[in-house]
Amino acid sequence: GDIVAIDGERLSAATVMERLNRIAGQHGVGRSDIVENRYVGMKSRGCYETPAGTVMLKAHRAMESLTLDREAMHLKDELMPRYAKVIYNGYWWSPERFMLQTLIDESQKTVNGQVRLSLYKGNVSVLGRESASNSLFDEKIATFEEDDGAYDQKDAEGFIKLNALRLRVAAKL
């Protein structure tokens, strides 16, 4: 799940950061002005500029969308704010950070491939993504057309009925 190259050129992590900071910074990517809640309870205004981090997050999330299972991605999405809070509050060496790190590392084992991006006037747009070895996207299934039996629209009626069962039960109360 780590970025190892830009435009096909393999680079060290430090060089990736330096190069993305320069390239994305020229496009105004990664600038934010926020009011945030500090750990001690006060609000503070923060102006941040993280061009490389913004580009890397966009690319990484694009690759995760292709290679992570839906529920694994949802769980990771729920845990990432907690992980960020633990680190922001200075608990890098805490047991909870180690537990979260183990889960995150496990989730990233299949996150690999290539992502194409466009940078323009502060925006990062995903133009394409591919993973030769771990893509969960199957165009035959996703089209709902000829999917070799993976999806039959007749199945939807039973699914909808079962999925709404809890709502029908609650409506009786």
C-alpha atoms as a PDB file:
ATOM      1  CA  GLY A   1       0.000   0.000   0.000  1.00  0.00           C
ATOM      2  CA  ASP A   2       2.979   2.384  -0.053  1.00  0.00           C
ATOM      3  CA  ILE A   3       3.698   4.684  -2.988  1.00  0.00           C
ATOM      4  CA  VAL A   4       6.957   3.553  -4.562  1.00  0.00           C
ATOM      5  CA  ALA A   5       7.049   5.360  -7.924  1.00  0.00           C
ATOM      6  CA  ILE A   6       5.977   8.482  -9.778  1.00  0.00           C
ATOM      7  CA  ASP A   7       5.491   8.265 -13.550  1.00  0.00           C
ATOM      8  CA  GLY A   8       7.038   4.787 -13.475  1.00  0.00           C
ATOM      9  CA  GLU A   9      10.239   5.935 -11.751  1.00  0.00           C
ATOM     10  CA  ARG A  10      10.960   4.015  -8.525  1.00  0.00           C
ATOM     11  CA  LEU A  11      11.777   6.429  -5.714  1.00  0.00           C
ATOM     12  CA  SER A  12      12.545   6.382  -2.005  1.00  0.00           C
ATOM     13  CA  ALA A  13       9.768   7.471   0.360  1.00  0.00           C
ATOM     14  CA  ALA A  14      11.573  10.760   1.048  1.00  0.00           C
ATOM     15  CA  THR A  15      11.983  11.494  -2.665  1.00  0.00           C
ATOM     16  CA  VAL A  16       8.296  10.692  -3.297  1.00  0.00           C
ATOM     17  CA  MET A  17       7.348  13.229  -0.619  1.00  0.00           C
ATOM     18  CA  GLU A  18       9.744  15.889  -1.922  1.00  0.00           C
ATOM     19  CA  ARG A  19       8.678  15.472  -5.527  1.00  0.00           C
ATOM     20  CA  LEU A  20       4.946  15.405  -4.779  1.00  0.00           C
ATOM     21  CA  ASN A  21       5.288  18.449  -2.514  1.00  0.00           C
ATOM     22  CA  ARG A  22       6.950  20.338  -5.376  1.00  0.00           C
ATOM     23  CA  ILE A  23       4.622  19.177  -8.175  1.00  0.00           C
ATOM     24  CA  ALA A  24       1.329  19.349  -6.259  1.00  0.00           C
ATOM     25  CA  GLY A  25       2.346  22.530  -4.443  1.00  0.00           C
ATOM     26  CA  GLN A  26       2.710  24.287  -7.809  1.00  0.00           C
ATOM     27  CA  HIS A  27      -0.949  23.441  -8.454  1.00  0.00           C
ATOM     28  CA  GLY A  28      -2.141  24.700  -5.053  1.00  0.00           C
ATOM     29  CA  VAL A  29      -3.042  21.192  -3.900  1.00  0.00           C
ATOM     30  CA  GLY A  30      -3.314  20.449  -0.195  1.00  0.00           C
ATOM     31  CA  ARG A  31      -4.011  23.865   1.304  1.00  0.00           C
ATOM     32  CA  SER A  32      -6.552  24.076   4.096  1.00  0.00           C
ATOM     33  CA  ASP A  33      -7.705  26.640   6.640  1.00  0.00           C
ATOM     34  CA  ILE A  34      -9.666  25.047   9.483  1.00  0.00           C
ATOM     35  CA  VAL A  35     -10.905  25.675  12.985  1.00  0.00           C
ATOM     36  CA  GLU A  36     -10.236  22.579  15.057  1.00  0.00           C
ATOM     37  CA  ASN A  37     -10.826  21.264  18.552  1.00  0.00           C
ATOM     38  CA  ARG A  38      -7.592  20.909  20.509  1.00  0.00           C
ATOM     39  CA  TYR A  39      -6.951  18.075  22.942  1.00  0.00           C
ATOM     40  CA  VAL A  40      -7.197  20.421  25.942  1.00  0.00           C
ATOM     41  CA  GLY A  41     -10.635  21.695  24.907  1.00  0.00           C
ATOM     42  CA  MET A  42      -9.989  24.994  23.139  1.00  0.00           C
ATOM     43  CA  LYS A  43     -10.584  25.752  19.505  1.00  0.00           C
ATOM     44  CA  SER A  44      -7.718  26.875  17.326  1.00  0.00           C
ATOM     45  CA  ARG A  45      -7.322  27.966  13.757  1.00  0.00           C
ATOM     46  CA  GLY A  46      -4.888  26.021  11.652  1.00  0.00           C
ATOM     47  CA  CYS A  47      -3.607  26.774   8.184  1.00  0.00           C
ATOM     48  CA  TYR A  48      -1.966  23.722   6.689  1.00  0.00           C
ATOM     49  CA  GLU A  49      -0.249  22.921   3.435  1.00  0.00           C
ATOM     50  CA  THR A  50       0.259  19.230   2.678  1.00  0.00           C
ATOM     51  CA  PRO A  51       0.494  18.782  -1.096  1.00  0.00           C
ATOM     52  CA  ALA A  52       2.227  15.380  -1.025  1.00  0.00           C
ATOM     53  CA  GLY A  53      -0.045  14.008   1.691  1.00  0.00           C
ATOM     54  CA  THR A  54      -3.159  15.117  -0.189  1.00  0.00           C
ATOM     55  CA  VAL A  55      -2.033  13.479  -3.440  1.00  0.00           C
ATOM     56  CA  MET A  56      -0.898  10.299  -1.704  1.00  0.00           C
ATOM     57  CA  LEU A  57      -4.184   9.955   0.188  1.00  0.00           C
ATOM     58  CA  LYS A  58      -6.238  10.450  -2.995  1.00  0.00           C
ATOM     59  CA  ALA A  59      -4.158   7.867  -4.881  1.00  0.00           C
ATOM     60  CA  HIS A  60      -4.202   5.406  -2.010  1.00  0.00           C
ATOM     61  CA  ARG A  61      -7.962   5.652  -1.508  1.00  0.00           C
ATOM     62  CA  ALA A  62      -8.449   5.118  -5.254  1.00  0.00           C
ATOM     63  CA  MET A  63      -6.393   1.923  -5.065  1.00  0.00           C
ATOM     64  CA  GLU A  64      -8.229   0.767  -1.937  1.00  0.00           C
ATOM     65  CA  SER A  65     -11.560   1.242  -3.742  1.00  0.00           C
ATOM     66  CA  LEU A  66     -10.364  -1.303  -6.289  1.00  0.00           C
ATOM     67  CA  THR A  67      -8.648  -3.819  -4.009  1.00  0.00           C
ATOM     68  CA  LEU A  68     -10.442  -3.806  -0.645  1.00  0.00           C
ATOM     69  CA  ASP A  69     -13.646  -5.664   0.119  1.00  0.00           C
ATOM     70  CA  ARG A  70     -16.620  -3.400   0.947  1.00  0.00           C
ATOM     71  CA  GLU A  71     -16.861  -4.329   4.620  1.00  0.00           C
ATOM     72  CA  ALA A  72     -13.093  -4.198   5.142  1.00  0.00           C
ATOM     73  CA  MET A  73     -13.087  -0.705   3.648  1.00  0.00           C
ATOM     74  CA  HIS A  74     -16.002   0.393   5.829  1.00  0.00           C
ATOM     75  CA  LEU A  75     -14.254  -0.881   8.952  1.00  0.00           C
ATOM     76  CA  LYS A  76     -11.045   0.898   8.000  1.00  0.00           C
ATOM     77  CA  ASP A  77     -13.017   4.110   7.346  1.00  0.00           C
ATOM     78  CA  GLU A  78     -14.515   3.873  10.839  1.00  0.00           C
ATOM     79  CA  LEU A  79     -11.152   3.288  12.509  1.00  0.00           C
ATOM     80  CA  MET A  80      -9.020   5.870  10.692  1.00  0.00           C
ATOM     81  CA  PRO A  81     -10.375   8.899  12.612  1.00  0.00           C
ATOM     82  CA  ARG A  82      -9.588   7.067  15.856  1.00  0.00           C
ATOM     83  CA  TYR A  83      -6.102   6.208  14.598  1.00  0.00           C
ATOM     84  CA  ALA A  84      -5.489   9.845  13.610  1.00  0.00           C
ATOM     85  CA  LYS A  85      -6.733  11.063  16.995  1.00  0.00           C
ATOM     86  CA  VAL A  86      -4.454   8.656  18.878  1.00  0.00           C
ATOM     87  CA  ILE A  87      -1.434   9.932  16.947  1.00  0.00           C
ATOM     88  CA  TYR A  88      -2.476  13.610  17.068  1.00  0.00           C
ATOM     89  CA  ASN A  89      -2.835  13.381  20.837  1.00  0.00           C
ATOM     90  CA  GLY A  90       0.683  11.995  21.200  1.00  0.00           C
ATOM     91  CA  TYR A  91      -0.035   8.330  21.852  1.00  0.00           C
ATOM     92  CA  TRP A  92       2.268   6.852  19.204  1.00  0.00           C
ATOM     93  CA  TRP A  93       3.672   4.265  21.639  1.00  0.00           C
ATOM     94  CA  SER A  94       0.295   3.347  23.157  1.00  0.00           C
ATOM     95  CA  PRO A  95      -1.230  -0.151  23.096  1.00  0.00           C
ATOM     96  CA  GLU A  96      -4.256   1.119  21.164  1.00  0.00           C
ATOM     97  CA  ARG A  97      -2.041   2.561  18.407  1.00  0.00           C
ATOM     98  CA  PHE A  98      -0.237  -0.788  18.075  1.00  0.00           C
ATOM     99  CA  MET A  99      -3.566  -2.647  17.879  1.00  0.00           C
ATOM    100  CA  LEU A 100      -4.933  -0.276  15.251  1.00  0.00           C
ATOM    101  CA  GLN A 101      -1.658  -0.454  13.310  1.00  0.00           C
ATOM    102  CA  THR A 102      -1.858  -4.249  13.172  1.00  0.00           C
ATOM    103  CA  LEU A 103      -5.369  -4.087  11.738  1.00  0.00           C
ATOM    104  CA  ILE A 104      -4.410  -1.395   9.221  1.00  0.00           C
ATOM    105  CA  ASP A 105      -1.304  -3.305   8.112  1.00  0.00           C
ATOM    106  CA  GLU A 106      -3.414  -6.423   7.561  1.00  0.00           C
ATOM    107  CA  SER A 107      -5.930  -4.450   5.498  1.00  0.00           C
ATOM    108  CA  GLN A 108      -3.202  -3.142   3.197  1.00  0.00           C
ATOM    109  CA  LYS A 109      -1.724  -6.476   2.081  1.00  0.00           C
ATOM    110  CA  THR A 110      -3.660  -6.470  -1.201  1.00  0.00           C
ATOM    111  CA  VAL A 111      -3.518  -2.723  -1.894  1.00  0.00           C
ATOM    112  CA  ASN A 112      -1.187  -2.454  -4.869  1.00  0.00           C
ATOM    113  CA  GLY A 113      -1.348  -1.253  -8.428  1.00  0.00           C
ATOM    114  CA  GLN A 114      -1.161   1.945 -10.431  1.00  0.00           C
ATOM    115  CA  VAL A 115      -3.213   5.125 -10.127  1.00  0.00           C
ATOM    116  CA  ARG A 116      -3.251   7.948 -12.698  1.00  0.00           C
ATOM    117  CA  LEU A 117      -4.007  11.426 -11.351  1.00  0.00           C
ATOM    118  CA  SER A 118      -4.520  14.935 -12.645  1.00  0.00           C
ATOM    119  CA  LEU A 119      -3.566  18.009 -10.605  1.00  0.00           C
ATOM    120  CA  TYR A 120      -5.232  21.307 -11.492  1.00  0.00           C
ATOM    121  CA  LYS A 121      -6.007  24.461  -9.522  1.00  0.00           C
ATOM    122  CA  GLY A 122      -5.984  22.841  -6.095  1.00  0.00           C
ATOM    123  CA  ASN A 123      -7.771  19.688  -7.198  1.00  0.00           C
ATOM    124  CA  VAL A 124      -6.597  16.097  -7.426  1.00  0.00           C
ATOM    125  CA  SER A 125      -8.653  13.971  -9.813  1.00  0.00           C
ATOM    126  CA  VAL A 126      -8.362  10.233 -10.343  1.00  0.00           C
ATOM    127  CA  LEU A 127      -8.124   9.470 -14.060  1.00  0.00           C
ATOM    128  CA  GLY A 128      -7.698   5.724 -13.711  1.00  0.00           C
ATOM    129  CA  ARG A 129      -6.604   2.863 -11.490  1.00  0.00           C
ATOM    130  CA  GLU A 130      -5.533  -0.722 -12.072  1.00  0.00           C
ATOM    131  CA  SER A 131      -4.252  -3.643 -10.049  1.00  0.00           C
ATOM    132  CA  ALA A 132      -3.102  -6.586 -12.103  1.00  0.00           C
ATOM    133  CA  SER A 133      -2.989  -8.937  -9.128  1.00  0.00           C
ATOM    134  CA  ASN A 134      -5.610  -7.795  -6.604  1.00  0.00           C
ATOM    135  CA  SER A 135      -8.459  -5.968  -8.329  1.00  0.00           C
ATOM    136  CA  LEU A 136     -11.880  -6.981  -7.016  1.00  0.00           C
ATOM    137  CA  PHE A 137     -13.586  -5.165  -9.890  1.00  0.00           C
ATOM    138  CA  ASP A 138     -14.986  -7.501 -12.533  1.00  0.00           C
ATOM    139  CA  GLU A 139     -16.557  -5.683 -15.457  1.00  0.00           C
ATOM    140  CA  LYS A 140     -18.674  -8.718 -16.365  1.00  0.00           C
ATOM    141  CA  ILE A 141     -20.359  -8.593 -12.957  1.00  0.00           C
ATOM    142  CA  ALA A 142     -20.497  -4.803 -12.653  1.00  0.00           C
ATOM    143  CA  THR A 143     -22.408  -4.339 -15.911  1.00  0.00           C
ATOM    144  CA  PHE A 144     -25.423  -6.458 -14.831  1.00  0.00           C
ATOM    145  CA  GLU A 145     -25.569  -7.621 -18.434  1.00  0.00           C
ATOM    146  CA  GLU A 146     -23.858 -10.892 -19.316  1.00  0.00           C
ATOM    147  CA  ASP A 147     -22.352 -11.808 -15.973  1.00  0.00           C
ATOM    148  CA  ASP A 148     -22.070 -15.571 -16.222  1.00  0.00           C
ATOM    149  CA  GLY A 149     -24.731 -16.096 -13.564  1.00  0.00           C
ATOM    150  CA  ALA A 150     -23.227 -13.844 -10.873  1.00  0.00           C
ATOM    151  CA  TYR A 151     -26.332 -11.676 -10.736  1.00  0.00           C
ATOM    152  CA  ASP A 152     -29.916 -12.411 -11.665  1.00  0.00           C
ATOM    153  CA  GLN A 153     -32.394  -9.558 -11.327  1.00  0.00           C
ATOM    154  CA  LYS A 154     -34.966 -12.036 -10.002  1.00  0.00           C
ATOM    155  CA  ASP A 155     -32.736 -12.427  -6.937  1.00  0.00           C
ATOM    156  CA  ALA A 156     -33.272  -8.755  -6.076  1.00  0.00           C
ATOM    157  CA  GLU A 157     -36.886  -9.261  -4.959  1.00  0.00           C
ATOM    158  CA  GLY A 158     -35.940 -11.734  -2.227  1.00  0.00           C
ATOM    159  CA  PHE A 159     -32.969  -9.646  -1.155  1.00  0.00           C
ATOM    160  CA  ILE A 160     -35.047  -6.477  -0.867  1.00  0.00           C
ATOM    161  CA  LYS A 161     -37.700  -8.312   1.120  1.00  0.00           C
ATOM    162  CA  LEU A 162     -35.165  -9.755   3.575  1.00  0.00           C
ATOM    163  CA  ASN A 163     -33.177  -6.538   3.806  1.00  0.00           C
ATOM    164  CA  ALA A 164     -36.318  -4.605   4.782  1.00  0.00           C
ATOM    165  CA  LEU A 165     -37.481  -7.182   7.353  1.00  0.00           C
ATOM    166  CA  ARG A 166     -36.309  -5.143  10.345  1.00  0.00           C
ATOM    167  CA  LEU A 167     -38.210  -2.114   9.050  1.00  0.00           C
ATOM    168  CA  ARG A 168     -41.425  -4.093   8.609  1.00  0.00           C
ATOM    169  CA  VAL A 169     -41.086  -5.466  12.151  1.00  0.00           C
ATOM    170  CA  ALA A 170     -40.450  -1.977  13.563  1.00  0.00           C
ATOM    171  CA  ALA A 171     -43.464  -0.582  11.687  1.00  0.00           C
ATOM    172  CA  LYS A 172     -45.719  -2.960  13.650  1.00  0.00           C
ATOM    173  CA  LEU A 173     -44.753  -1.335  16.977  1.00  0.00           C
END
